[in-house]
């Protein structure tokens, strides 16, 4: 019963979605500038076993990155992405 909201640069991308074992696919494009984006996961509730955890899989062409998120009511998880 964990639910989270996901933000990009403090704007809602996904609002109060339930975490499950099924992947949710979202395509995000980085701007063509030196400015990056910050993806933040906020725990809306903690379910029966805190903290809320999720897996973010990023693909850059053929390269795949796996980032594990963990957040609770006091701390949010975030990752900053920038172009090289």
PDB file of N, CA and C in Angstrom:
ATOM      1  N   UNK A   1       0.804  -1.215   0.000  1.00  0.00           N
ATOM      2  CA  UNK A   1       0.000   0.000   0.000  1.00  0.00           C
ATOM      3  C   UNK A   1       0.840   1.269   0.000  1.00  0.00           C
ATOM      4  N   UNK A   2       2.095   1.170  -0.439  1.00  0.00           N
ATOM      5  CA  UNK A   2       2.944   2.359  -0.526  1.00  0.00           C
ATOM      6  C   UNK A   2       2.505   3.211  -1.700  1.00  0.00           C
ATOM      7  N   UNK A   3       2.503   4.526  -1.507  1.00  0.00           N
ATOM      8  CA  UNK A   3       2.247   5.415  -2.629  1.00  0.00           C
ATOM      9  C   UNK A   3       3.232   6.568  -2.583  1.00  0.00           C
ATOM     10  N   UNK A   4       3.605   7.034  -3.758  1.00  0.00           N
ATOM     11  CA  UNK A   4       4.586   8.104  -3.880  1.00  0.00           C
ATOM     12  C   UNK A   4       4.126   9.106  -4.934  1.00  0.00           C
ATOM     13  N   UNK A   5       4.718  10.281  -4.871  1.00  0.00           N
ATOM     14  CA  UNK A   5       4.605  11.250  -5.947  1.00  0.00           C
ATOM     15  C   UNK A   5       6.009  11.477  -6.477  1.00  0.00           C
ATOM     16  N   UNK A   6       6.109  11.706  -7.780  1.00  0.00           N
ATOM     17  CA  UNK A   6       7.402  11.934  -8.420  1.00  0.00           C
ATOM     18  C   UNK A   6       7.372  13.321  -9.056  1.00  0.00           C
ATOM     19  N   UNK A   7       8.444  14.070  -8.813  1.00  0.00           N
ATOM     20  CA  UNK A   7       8.539  15.442  -9.298  1.00  0.00           C
ATOM     21  C   UNK A   7       9.761  15.589 -10.199  1.00  0.00           C
ATOM     22  N   UNK A   8       9.663  16.447 -11.186  1.00  0.00           N
ATOM     23  CA  UNK A   8      10.819  16.866 -11.987  1.00  0.00           C
ATOM     24  C   UNK A   8      10.937  18.369 -11.802  1.00  0.00           C
ATOM     25  N   UNK A   9      12.075  18.769 -11.248  1.00  0.00           N
ATOM     26  CA  UNK A   9      12.313  20.187 -10.948  1.00  0.00           C
ATOM     27  C   UNK A   9      11.121  20.797 -10.203  1.00  0.00           C
ATOM     28  N   UNK A  10      10.654  20.080  -9.189  1.00  0.00           N
ATOM     29  CA  UNK A  10       9.567  20.506  -8.302  1.00  0.00           C
ATOM     30  C   UNK A  10       8.200  20.600  -8.973  1.00  0.00           C
ATOM     31  N   UNK A  11       8.052  20.044 -10.163  1.00  0.00           N
ATOM     32  CA  UNK A  11       6.736  19.981 -10.819  1.00  0.00           C
ATOM     33  C   UNK A  11       6.288  18.525 -10.842  1.00  0.00           C
ATOM     34  N   UNK A  12       5.016  18.301 -10.554  1.00  0.00           N
ATOM     35  CA  UNK A  12       4.491  16.937 -10.453  1.00  0.00           C
ATOM     36  C   UNK A  12       4.565  16.222 -11.797  1.00  0.00           C
ATOM     37  N   UNK A  13       5.192  15.052 -11.778  1.00  0.00           N
ATOM     38  CA  UNK A  13       5.211  14.161 -12.946  1.00  0.00           C
ATOM     39  C   UNK A  13       4.191  13.047 -12.731  1.00  0.00           C
ATOM     40  N   UNK A  14       4.243  12.419 -11.563  1.00  0.00           N
ATOM     41  CA  UNK A  14       3.311  11.354 -11.187  1.00  0.00           C
ATOM     42  C   UNK A  14       2.756  11.680  -9.808  1.00  0.00           C
ATOM     43  N   UNK A  15       1.445  11.688  -9.672  1.00  0.00           N
ATOM     44  CA  UNK A  15       0.820  12.098  -8.422  1.00  0.00           C
ATOM     45  C   UNK A  15       0.195  10.921  -7.676  1.00  0.00           C
ATOM     46  N   UNK A  16       0.699  10.660  -6.489  1.00  0.00           N
ATOM     47  CA  UNK A  16       0.136   9.655  -5.574  1.00  0.00           C
ATOM     48  C   UNK A  16      -0.093   8.309  -6.264  1.00  0.00           C
ATOM     49  N   UNK A  17       0.967   7.772  -6.851  1.00  0.00           N
ATOM     50  CA  UNK A  17       0.857   6.475  -7.522  1.00  0.00           C
ATOM     51  C   UNK A  17       1.222   5.362  -6.549  1.00  0.00           C
ATOM     52  N   UNK A  18       0.532   4.252  -6.678  1.00  0.00           N
ATOM     53  CA  UNK A  18       0.822   3.093  -5.832  1.00  0.00           C
ATOM     54  C   UNK A  18       2.046   2.364  -6.375  1.00  0.00           C
ATOM     55  N   UNK A  19       2.943   1.987  -5.472  1.00  0.00           N
ATOM     56  CA  UNK A  19       4.102   1.196  -5.876  1.00  0.00           C
ATOM     57  C   UNK A  19       3.686  -0.262  -5.997  1.00  0.00           C
ATOM     58  N   UNK A  20       4.208  -0.925  -7.017  1.00  0.00           N
ATOM     59  CA  UNK A  20       3.902  -2.339  -7.198  1.00  0.00           C
ATOM     60  C   UNK A  20       5.086  -2.995  -7.894  1.00  0.00           C
ATOM     61  N   UNK A  21       4.937  -4.277  -8.175  1.00  0.00           N
ATOM     62  CA  UNK A  21       6.011  -4.990  -8.870  1.00  0.00           C
ATOM     63  C   UNK A  21       5.926  -4.789 -10.388  1.00  0.00           C
ATOM     64  N   UNK A  22       4.937  -4.053 -10.854  1.00  0.00           N
ATOM     65  CA  UNK A  22       4.795  -3.773 -12.284  1.00  0.00           C
ATOM     66  C   UNK A  22       5.432  -2.431 -12.608  1.00  0.00           C
ATOM     67  N   UNK A  23       6.238  -2.401 -13.652  1.00  0.00           N
ATOM     68  CA  UNK A  23       6.944  -1.186 -14.038  1.00  0.00           C
ATOM     69  C   UNK A  23       5.993  -0.154 -14.629  1.00  0.00           C
ATOM     70  N   UNK A  24       6.294   1.085 -14.365  1.00  0.00           N
ATOM     71  CA  UNK A  24       5.579   2.205 -14.965  1.00  0.00           C
ATOM     72  C   UNK A  24       6.591   2.919 -15.845  1.00  0.00           C
ATOM     73  N   UNK A  25       6.310   3.026 -17.127  1.00  0.00           N
ATOM     74  CA  UNK A  25       7.256   3.610 -18.071  1.00  0.00           C
ATOM     75  C   UNK A  25       6.906   5.064 -18.317  1.00  0.00           C
ATOM     76  N   UNK A  26       7.915   5.924 -18.195  1.00  0.00           N
ATOM     77  CA  UNK A  26       7.742   7.349 -18.434  1.00  0.00           C
ATOM     78  C   UNK A  26       8.968   7.843 -19.188  1.00  0.00           C
ATOM     79  N   UNK A  27       8.782   8.444 -20.341  1.00  0.00           N
ATOM     80  CA  UNK A  27       9.902   8.982 -21.117  1.00  0.00           C
ATOM     81  C   UNK A  27      10.122  10.429 -20.696  1.00  0.00           C
ATOM     82  N   UNK A  28      11.376  10.732 -20.354  1.00  0.00           N
ATOM     83  CA  UNK A  28      11.759  12.072 -19.933  1.00  0.00           C
ATOM     84  C   UNK A  28      12.927  12.507 -20.809  1.00  0.00           C
ATOM     85  N   UNK A  29      12.804  13.669 -21.410  1.00  0.00           N
ATOM     86  CA  UNK A  29      13.875  14.194 -22.246  1.00  0.00           C
ATOM     87  C   UNK A  29      14.634  15.274 -21.488  1.00  0.00           C
ATOM     88  N   UNK A  30      15.964  15.195 -21.521  1.00  0.00           N
ATOM     89  CA  UNK A  30      16.776  16.232 -20.909  1.00  0.00           C
ATOM     90  C   UNK A  30      16.832  17.435 -21.833  1.00  0.00           C
ATOM     91  N   UNK A  31      16.812  18.637 -21.261  1.00  0.00           N
ATOM     92  CA  UNK A  31      16.898  19.828 -22.116  1.00  0.00           C
ATOM     93  C   UNK A  31      18.260  19.901 -22.803  1.00  0.00           C
ATOM     94  N   UNK A  32      18.301  20.550 -23.956  1.00  0.00           N
ATOM     95  CA  UNK A  32      19.540  20.714 -24.718  1.00  0.00           C
ATOM     96  C   UNK A  32      20.348  21.896 -24.191  1.00  0.00           C
ATOM     97  N   UNK A  33      20.493  21.978 -22.887  1.00  0.00           N
ATOM     98  CA  UNK A  33      21.258  23.044 -22.256  1.00  0.00           C
ATOM     99  C   UNK A  33      22.169  22.411 -21.216  1.00  0.00           C
ATOM    100  N   UNK A  34      22.965  23.243 -20.560  1.00  0.00           N
ATOM    101  CA  UNK A  34      23.812  22.740 -19.484  1.00  0.00           C
ATOM    102  C   UNK A  34      23.020  22.505 -18.203  1.00  0.00           C
ATOM    103  N   UNK A  35      21.788  22.990 -18.174  1.00  0.00           N
ATOM    104  CA  UNK A  35      20.956  22.796 -16.996  1.00  0.00           C
ATOM    105  C   UNK A  35      20.428  21.368 -16.971  1.00  0.00           C
ATOM    106  N   UNK A  36      20.428  20.762 -15.819  1.00  0.00           N
ATOM    107  CA  UNK A  36      19.937  19.406 -15.683  1.00  0.00           C
ATOM    108  C   UNK A  36      18.524  19.390 -15.130  1.00  0.00           C
ATOM    109  N   UNK A  37      18.114  18.227 -14.720  1.00  0.00           N
ATOM    110  CA  UNK A  37      16.820  18.078 -14.066  1.00  0.00           C
ATOM    111  C   UNK A  37      17.030  17.309 -12.768  1.00  0.00           C
ATOM    112  N   UNK A  38      16.156  17.553 -11.823  1.00  0.00           N
ATOM    113  CA  UNK A  38      16.176  16.815 -10.563  1.00  0.00           C
ATOM    114  C   UNK A  38      14.882  16.019 -10.474  1.00  0.00           C
ATOM    115  N   UNK A  39      15.025  14.703 -10.317  1.00  0.00           N
ATOM    116  CA  UNK A  39      13.876  13.810 -10.144  1.00  0.00           C
ATOM    117  C   UNK A  39      13.791  13.476  -8.661  1.00  0.00           C
ATOM    118  N   UNK A  40      12.641  13.749  -8.062  1.00  0.00           N
ATOM    119  CA  UNK A  40      12.450  13.535  -6.628  1.00  0.00           C
ATOM    120  C   UNK A  40      11.289  12.580  -6.389  1.00  0.00           C
ATOM    121  N   UNK A  41      11.477  11.628  -5.469  1.00  0.00           N
ATOM    122  CA  UNK A  41      10.399  10.729  -5.054  1.00  0.00           C
ATOM    123  C   UNK A  41      10.014  11.083  -3.621  1.00  0.00           C
ATOM    124  N   UNK A  42       8.747  11.402  -3.420  1.00  0.00           N
ATOM    125  CA  UNK A  42       8.207  11.782  -2.114  1.00  0.00           C
ATOM    126  C   UNK A  42       7.232  10.709  -1.649  1.00  0.00           C
ATOM    127  N   UNK A  43       7.403  10.229  -0.433  1.00  0.00           N
ATOM    128  CA  UNK A  43       6.507   9.209   0.128  1.00  0.00           C
ATOM    129  C   UNK A  43       5.194   9.861   0.555  1.00  0.00           C
ATOM    130  N   UNK A  44       4.104   9.512  -0.095  1.00  0.00           N
ATOM    131  CA  UNK A  44       2.777  10.007   0.292  1.00  0.00           C
ATOM    132  C   UNK A  44       2.283   9.292   1.546  1.00  0.00           C
ATOM    133  N   UNK A  45       2.604   8.013   1.636  1.00  0.00           N
ATOM    134  CA  UNK A  45       2.368   7.243   2.862  1.00  0.00           C
ATOM    135  C   UNK A  45       3.456   6.178   2.920  1.00  0.00           C
ATOM    136  N   UNK A  46       3.558   5.478   4.029  1.00  0.00           N
ATOM    137  CA  UNK A  46       4.642   4.516   4.175  1.00  0.00           C
ATOM    138  C   UNK A  46       4.177   3.060   4.148  1.00  0.00           C
ATOM    139  N   UNK A  47       2.917   2.845   3.865  1.00  0.00           N
ATOM    140  CA  UNK A  47       2.435   1.471   3.804  1.00  0.00           C
ATOM    141  C   UNK A  47       2.653   0.753   5.125  1.00  0.00           C
ATOM    142  N   UNK A  48       2.748  -0.563   5.080  1.00  0.00           N
ATOM    143  CA  UNK A  48       2.905  -1.333   6.320  1.00  0.00           C
ATOM    144  C   UNK A  48       4.363  -1.532   6.706  1.00  0.00           C
ATOM    145  N   UNK A  49       5.286  -1.406   5.749  1.00  0.00           N
ATOM    146  CA  UNK A  49       6.710  -1.600   6.052  1.00  0.00           C
ATOM    147  C   UNK A  49       7.506  -0.434   5.470  1.00  0.00           C
ATOM    148  N   UNK A  50       7.764   0.617   6.282  1.00  0.00           N
ATOM    149  CA  UNK A  50       8.547   1.736   5.768  1.00  0.00           C
ATOM    150  C   UNK A  50      10.011   1.347   5.599  1.00  0.00           C
ATOM    151  N   UNK A  51      10.789   2.039   4.799  1.00  0.00           N
ATOM    152  CA  UNK A  51      10.426   3.170   3.957  1.00  0.00           C
ATOM    153  C   UNK A  51       9.874   2.712   2.614  1.00  0.00           C
ATOM    154  N   UNK A  52       9.430   3.664   1.804  1.00  0.00           N
ATOM    155  CA  UNK A  52       9.016   3.362   0.429  1.00  0.00           C
ATOM    156  C   UNK A  52      10.269   3.223  -0.426  1.00  0.00           C
ATOM    157  N   UNK A  53      10.293   2.209  -1.246  1.00  0.00           N
ATOM    158  CA  UNK A  53      11.446   2.014  -2.123  1.00  0.00           C
ATOM    159  C   UNK A  53      10.964   1.847  -3.557  1.00  0.00           C
ATOM    160  N   UNK A  54      11.797   2.254  -4.475  1.00  0.00           N
ATOM    161  CA  UNK A  54      11.477   2.123  -5.888  1.00  0.00           C
ATOM    162  C   UNK A  54      12.754   1.974  -6.682  1.00  0.00           C
ATOM    163  N   UNK A  55      12.625   1.560  -7.912  1.00  0.00           N
ATOM    164  CA  UNK A  55      13.756   1.391  -8.809  1.00  0.00           C
ATOM    165  C   UNK A  55      13.551   2.279 -10.017  1.00  0.00           C
ATOM    166  N   UNK A  56      14.506   3.148 -10.262  1.00  0.00           N
ATOM    167  CA  UNK A  56      14.487   4.015 -11.431  1.00  0.00           C
ATOM    168  C   UNK A  56      15.498   3.451 -12.425  1.00  0.00           C
ATOM    169  N   UNK A  57      15.040   3.132 -13.614  1.00  0.00           N
ATOM    170  CA  UNK A  57      15.935   2.626 -14.660  1.00  0.00           C
ATOM    171  C   UNK A  57      16.058   3.699 -15.728  1.00  0.00           C
ATOM    172  N   UNK A  58      17.272   4.139 -15.942  1.00  0.00           N
ATOM    173  CA  UNK A  58      17.548   5.162 -16.948  1.00  0.00           C
ATOM    174  C   UNK A  58      18.269   4.527 -18.115  1.00  0.00           C
ATOM    175  N   UNK A  59      17.867   4.889 -19.307  1.00  0.00           N
ATOM    176  CA  UNK A  59      18.540   4.403 -20.510  1.00  0.00           C
ATOM    177  C   UNK A  59      19.055   5.598 -21.294  1.00  0.00           C
ATOM    178  N   UNK A  60      20.313   5.513 -21.656  1.00  0.00           N
ATOM    179  CA  UNK A  60      20.956   6.525 -22.490  1.00  0.00           C
ATOM    180  C   UNK A  60      21.537   5.782 -23.678  1.00  0.00           C
ATOM    181  N   UNK A  61      20.722   5.658 -24.723  1.00  0.00           N
ATOM    182  CA  UNK A  61      21.125   4.822 -25.852  1.00  0.00           C
ATOM    183  C   UNK A  61      21.176   3.374 -25.404  1.00  0.00           C
ATOM    184  N   UNK A  62      22.328   2.761 -25.501  1.00  0.00           N
ATOM    185  CA  UNK A  62      22.491   1.360 -25.108  1.00  0.00           C
ATOM    186  C   UNK A  62      22.889   1.200 -23.644  1.00  0.00           C
ATOM    187  N   UNK A  63      23.248   2.307 -22.990  1.00  0.00           N
ATOM    188  CA  UNK A  63      23.690   2.245 -21.598  1.00  0.00           C
ATOM    189  C   UNK A  63      22.476   2.284 -20.668  1.00  0.00           C
ATOM    190  N   UNK A  64      22.473   1.395 -19.671  1.00  0.00           N
ATOM    191  CA  UNK A  64      21.368   1.297 -18.724  1.00  0.00           C
ATOM    192  C   UNK A  64      21.900   1.532 -17.310  1.00  0.00           C
ATOM    193  N   UNK A  65      21.223   2.401 -16.568  1.00  0.00           N
ATOM    194  CA  UNK A  65      21.575   2.696 -15.183  1.00  0.00           C
ATOM    195  C   UNK A  65      20.397   2.316 -14.299  1.00  0.00           C
ATOM    196  N   UNK A  66      20.666   1.695 -13.150  1.00  0.00           N
ATOM    197  CA  UNK A  66      19.618   1.354 -12.192  1.00  0.00           C
ATOM    198  C   UNK A  66      19.883   2.110 -10.901  1.00  0.00           C
ATOM    199  N   UNK A  67      18.906   2.897 -10.473  1.00  0.00           N
ATOM    200  CA  UNK A  67      19.039   3.704  -9.268  1.00  0.00           C
ATOM    201  C   UNK A  67      17.918   3.314  -8.321  1.00  0.00           C
ATOM    202  N   UNK A  68      18.270   2.903  -7.127  1.00  0.00           N
ATOM    203  CA  UNK A  68      17.278   2.534  -6.113  1.00  0.00           C
ATOM    204  C   UNK A  68      16.935   3.762  -5.270  1.00  0.00           C
ATOM    205  N   UNK A  69      15.634   4.035  -5.162  1.00  0.00           N
ATOM    206  CA  UNK A  69      15.134   5.154  -4.379  1.00  0.00           C
ATOM    207  C   UNK A  69      14.586   4.631  -3.057  1.00  0.00           C
ATOM    208  N   UNK A  70      14.729   5.431  -2.028  1.00  0.00           N
ATOM    209  CA  UNK A  70      14.121   5.125  -0.738  1.00  0.00           C
ATOM    210  C   UNK A  70      13.691   6.443  -0.113  1.00  0.00           C
ATOM    211  N   UNK A  71      12.434   6.508   0.339  1.00  0.00           N
ATOM    212  CA  UNK A  71      11.983   7.728   1.003  1.00  0.00           C
ATOM    213  C   UNK A  71      10.966   7.378   2.080  1.00  0.00           C
ATOM    214  N   UNK A  72      10.847   8.286   3.044  1.00  0.00           N
ATOM    215  CA  UNK A  72       9.847   8.135   4.092  1.00  0.00           C
ATOM    216  C   UNK A  72       9.194   9.496   4.303  1.00  0.00           C
ATOM    217  N   UNK A  73       8.405   9.633   5.336  1.00  0.00           N
ATOM    218  CA  UNK A  73       7.682  10.881   5.559  1.00  0.00           C
ATOM    219  C   UNK A  73       8.609  12.041   5.917  1.00  0.00           C
ATOM    220  N   UNK A  74       9.848  11.742   6.329  1.00  0.00           N
ATOM    221  CA  UNK A  74      10.781  12.791   6.726  1.00  0.00           C
ATOM    222  C   UNK A  74      11.842  13.101   5.674  1.00  0.00           C
ATOM    223  N   UNK A  75      12.114  12.151   4.773  1.00  0.00           N
ATOM    224  CA  UNK A  75      13.164  12.327   3.777  1.00  0.00           C
ATOM    225  C   UNK A  75      12.677  11.874   2.414  1.00  0.00           C
ATOM    226  N   UNK A  76      12.951  12.697   1.415  1.00  0.00           N
ATOM    227  CA  UNK A  76      12.649  12.325   0.036  1.00  0.00           C
ATOM    228  C   UNK A  76      13.946  11.905  -0.654  1.00  0.00           C
ATOM    229  N   UNK A  77      13.813  11.112  -1.694  1.00  0.00           N
ATOM    230  CA  UNK A  77      14.971  10.693  -2.478  1.00  0.00           C
ATOM    231  C   UNK A  77      15.011  11.520  -3.752  1.00  0.00           C
ATOM    232  N   UNK A  78      16.228  11.854  -4.209  1.00  0.00           N
ATOM    233  CA  UNK A  78      16.351  12.651  -5.427  1.00  0.00           C
ATOM    234  C   UNK A  78      17.613  12.270  -6.182  1.00  0.00           C
ATOM    235  N   UNK A  79      17.562  12.476  -7.492  1.00  0.00           N
ATOM    236  CA  UNK A  79      18.726  12.273  -8.348  1.00  0.00           C
ATOM    237  C   UNK A  79      18.762  13.423  -9.342  1.00  0.00           C
ATOM    238  N   UNK A  80      19.959  13.938  -9.614  1.00  0.00           N
ATOM    239  CA  UNK A  80      20.112  15.028 -10.569  1.00  0.00           C
ATOM    240  C   UNK A  80      20.753  14.478 -11.837  1.00  0.00           C
ATOM    241  N   UNK A  81      20.167  14.807 -12.983  1.00  0.00           N
ATOM    242  CA  UNK A  81      20.667  14.351 -14.276  1.00  0.00           C
ATOM    243  C   UNK A  81      21.135  15.558 -15.079  1.00  0.00           C
ATOM    244  N   UNK A  82      22.325  15.424 -15.699  1.00  0.00           N
ATOM    245  CA  UNK A  82      22.847  16.485 -16.549  1.00  0.00           C
ATOM    246  C   UNK A  82      23.490  15.877 -17.780  1.00  0.00           C
ATOM    247  N   UNK A  83      23.433  16.616 -18.872  1.00  0.00           N
ATOM    248  CA  UNK A  83      24.129  16.200 -20.095  1.00  0.00           C
ATOM    249  C   UNK A  83      25.615  16.413 -19.908  1.00  0.00           C
ATOM    250  N   UNK A  84      26.399  15.563 -20.557  1.00  0.00           N
ATOM    251  CA  UNK A  84      27.856  15.749 -20.535  1.00  0.00           C
ATOM    252  C   UNK A  84      28.244  16.753 -21.586  1.00  0.00           C
TER     253      UNK A  84
END
